Amino acid sequence: MPMDAAEIERLIKAHIPDAEVSIRDLAGDGDHYAATVLSESFRGKSRVQQHQLVYQALKGQMGGALHALALQTGVPEH
């Protein structure tokens, strides 16, 4: 069963409470999304480490309910 954008955002924010999350459904099928996640907790971390934090938040949904996620991460500009 596909995962909806609200559930992806909820999982990310539960794991990274200060995250600013923007999600787009790329194919309209609920399986292919693009997500931008900005968080102060990413400061000082490599891009790989940032992505690992987001994947941890998704609790193993990648490849299952969530087929593809194009991920961009970074630190918010203030």
C-alpha atoms as a PDB file:
ATOM      1  CA  MET A   1       0.000   0.000   0.000  1.00  0.00           C
ATOM      2  CA  PRO A   2       1.469   3.387  -0.968  1.00  0.00           C
ATOM      3  CA  MET A   3       2.479   5.897   1.671  1.00  0.00           C
ATOM      4  CA  ASP A   4       1.028   9.402   1.525  1.00  0.00           C
ATOM      5  CA  ALA A   5       2.977  12.632   1.841  1.00  0.00           C
ATOM      6  CA  ALA A   6       1.427  13.498   5.222  1.00  0.00           C
ATOM      7  CA  GLU A   7       2.647  10.202   6.703  1.00  0.00           C
ATOM      8  CA  ILE A   8       6.177  10.779   5.377  1.00  0.00           C
ATOM      9  CA  GLU A   9       6.186  14.267   6.901  1.00  0.00           C
ATOM     10  CA  ARG A  10       4.807  12.945  10.219  1.00  0.00           C
ATOM     11  CA  LEU A  11       7.518  10.276  10.479  1.00  0.00           C
ATOM     12  CA  ILE A  12      10.294  12.745   9.687  1.00  0.00           C
ATOM     13  CA  LYS A  13       9.023  15.346  12.178  1.00  0.00           C
ATOM     14  CA  ALA A  14       8.593  12.703  14.886  1.00  0.00           C
ATOM     15  CA  HIS A  15      12.293  11.823  14.535  1.00  0.00           C
ATOM     16  CA  ILE A  16      13.594  15.340  13.726  1.00  0.00           C
ATOM     17  CA  PRO A  17      11.215  17.703  15.580  1.00  0.00           C
ATOM     18  CA  ASP A  18      12.659  20.970  14.241  1.00  0.00           C
ATOM     19  CA  ALA A  19      12.609  19.793  10.611  1.00  0.00           C
ATOM     20  CA  GLU A  20      11.107  21.933   7.882  1.00  0.00           C
ATOM     21  CA  VAL A  21       9.695  19.344   5.476  1.00  0.00           C
ATOM     22  CA  SER A  22       8.457  19.846   1.934  1.00  0.00           C
ATOM     23  CA  ILE A  23       7.211  16.822  -0.023  1.00  0.00           C
ATOM     24  CA  ARG A  24       6.125  16.477  -3.657  1.00  0.00           C
ATOM     25  CA  ASP A  25       4.537  13.419  -5.252  1.00  0.00           C
ATOM     26  CA  LEU A  26       6.591  13.041  -8.432  1.00  0.00           C
ATOM     27  CA  ALA A  27       4.450  10.550 -10.325  1.00  0.00           C
ATOM     28  CA  GLY A  28       1.015  10.909  -8.725  1.00  0.00           C
ATOM     29  CA  ASP A  29       1.161   7.268  -7.639  1.00  0.00           C
ATOM     30  CA  GLY A  30       1.990   7.651  -3.939  1.00  0.00           C
ATOM     31  CA  ASP A  31       5.237   5.733  -4.483  1.00  0.00           C
ATOM     32  CA  HIS A  32       7.657   8.317  -5.894  1.00  0.00           C
ATOM     33  CA  TYR A  33       8.323  11.429  -3.841  1.00  0.00           C
ATOM     34  CA  ALA A  34      10.796  14.277  -3.630  1.00  0.00           C
ATOM     35  CA  ALA A  35      11.467  15.628  -0.147  1.00  0.00           C
ATOM     36  CA  THR A  36      13.388  18.625   1.090  1.00  0.00           C
ATOM     37  CA  VAL A  37      14.264  18.444   4.774  1.00  0.00           C
ATOM     38  CA  LEU A  38      15.947  21.346   6.567  1.00  0.00           C
ATOM     39  CA  SER A  39      17.031  21.059  10.195  1.00  0.00           C
ATOM     40  CA  GLU A  40      19.489  22.699  12.571  1.00  0.00           C
ATOM     41  CA  SER A  41      20.337  19.177  13.749  1.00  0.00           C
ATOM     42  CA  PHE A  42      22.032  18.649  10.362  1.00  0.00           C
ATOM     43  CA  ARG A  43      24.596  21.379  11.062  1.00  0.00           C
ATOM     44  CA  GLY A  44      28.123  19.940  10.978  1.00  0.00           C
ATOM     45  CA  LYS A  45      26.967  16.634   9.515  1.00  0.00           C
ATOM     46  CA  SER A  46      27.884  15.355   6.064  1.00  0.00           C
ATOM     47  CA  ARG A  47      25.171  15.011   3.428  1.00  0.00           C
ATOM     48  CA  VAL A  48      25.318  11.220   3.898  1.00  0.00           C
ATOM     49  CA  GLN A  49      24.792  11.584   7.659  1.00  0.00           C
ATOM     50  CA  GLN A  50      21.859  13.947   7.044  1.00  0.00           C
ATOM     51  CA  HIS A  51      20.237  11.462   4.673  1.00  0.00           C
ATOM     52  CA  GLN A  52      20.808   8.629   7.153  1.00  0.00           C
ATOM     53  CA  LEU A  53      18.888  10.578   9.815  1.00  0.00           C
ATOM     54  CA  VAL A  54      15.941  10.999   7.451  1.00  0.00           C
ATOM     55  CA  TYR A  55      15.996   7.320   6.441  1.00  0.00           C
ATOM     56  CA  GLN A  56      16.066   6.335  10.123  1.00  0.00           C
ATOM     57  CA  ALA A  57      12.974   8.496  10.631  1.00  0.00           C
ATOM     58  CA  LEU A  58      11.180   6.583   7.877  1.00  0.00           C
ATOM     59  CA  LYS A  59      11.602   3.378   9.899  1.00  0.00           C
ATOM     60  CA  GLY A  60      12.446   1.024   7.079  1.00  0.00           C
ATOM     61  CA  GLN A  61       9.619   2.137   4.769  1.00  0.00           C
ATOM     62  CA  MET A  62      12.061   2.724   1.886  1.00  0.00           C
ATOM     63  CA  GLY A  63      11.690   0.007  -0.731  1.00  0.00           C
ATOM     64  CA  GLY A  64       8.419  -1.131   0.827  1.00  0.00           C
ATOM     65  CA  ALA A  65       5.484   1.243   1.226  1.00  0.00           C
ATOM     66  CA  LEU A  66       7.739   4.030  -0.030  1.00  0.00           C
ATOM     67  CA  HIS A  67       9.296   3.004  -3.318  1.00  0.00           C
ATOM     68  CA  ALA A  68      11.436   6.037  -4.193  1.00  0.00           C
ATOM     69  CA  LEU A  69      12.413   9.237  -2.423  1.00  0.00           C
ATOM     70  CA  ALA A  70      14.531  11.940  -4.041  1.00  0.00           C
ATOM     71  CA  LEU A  71      15.996  13.572  -0.955  1.00  0.00           C
ATOM     72  CA  GLN A  72      17.547  16.990  -0.437  1.00  0.00           C
ATOM     73  CA  THR A  73      18.733  17.963   3.025  1.00  0.00           C
ATOM     74  CA  GLY A  74      20.359  21.010   4.528  1.00  0.00           C
ATOM     75  CA  VAL A  75      20.469  23.555   7.320  1.00  0.00           C
ATOM     76  CA  PRO A  76      17.904  26.380   7.309  1.00  0.00           C
ATOM     77  CA  GLU A  77      19.159  29.848   6.428  1.00  0.00           C
ATOM     78  CA  HIS A  78      18.275  32.375   9.107  1.00  0.00           C
END
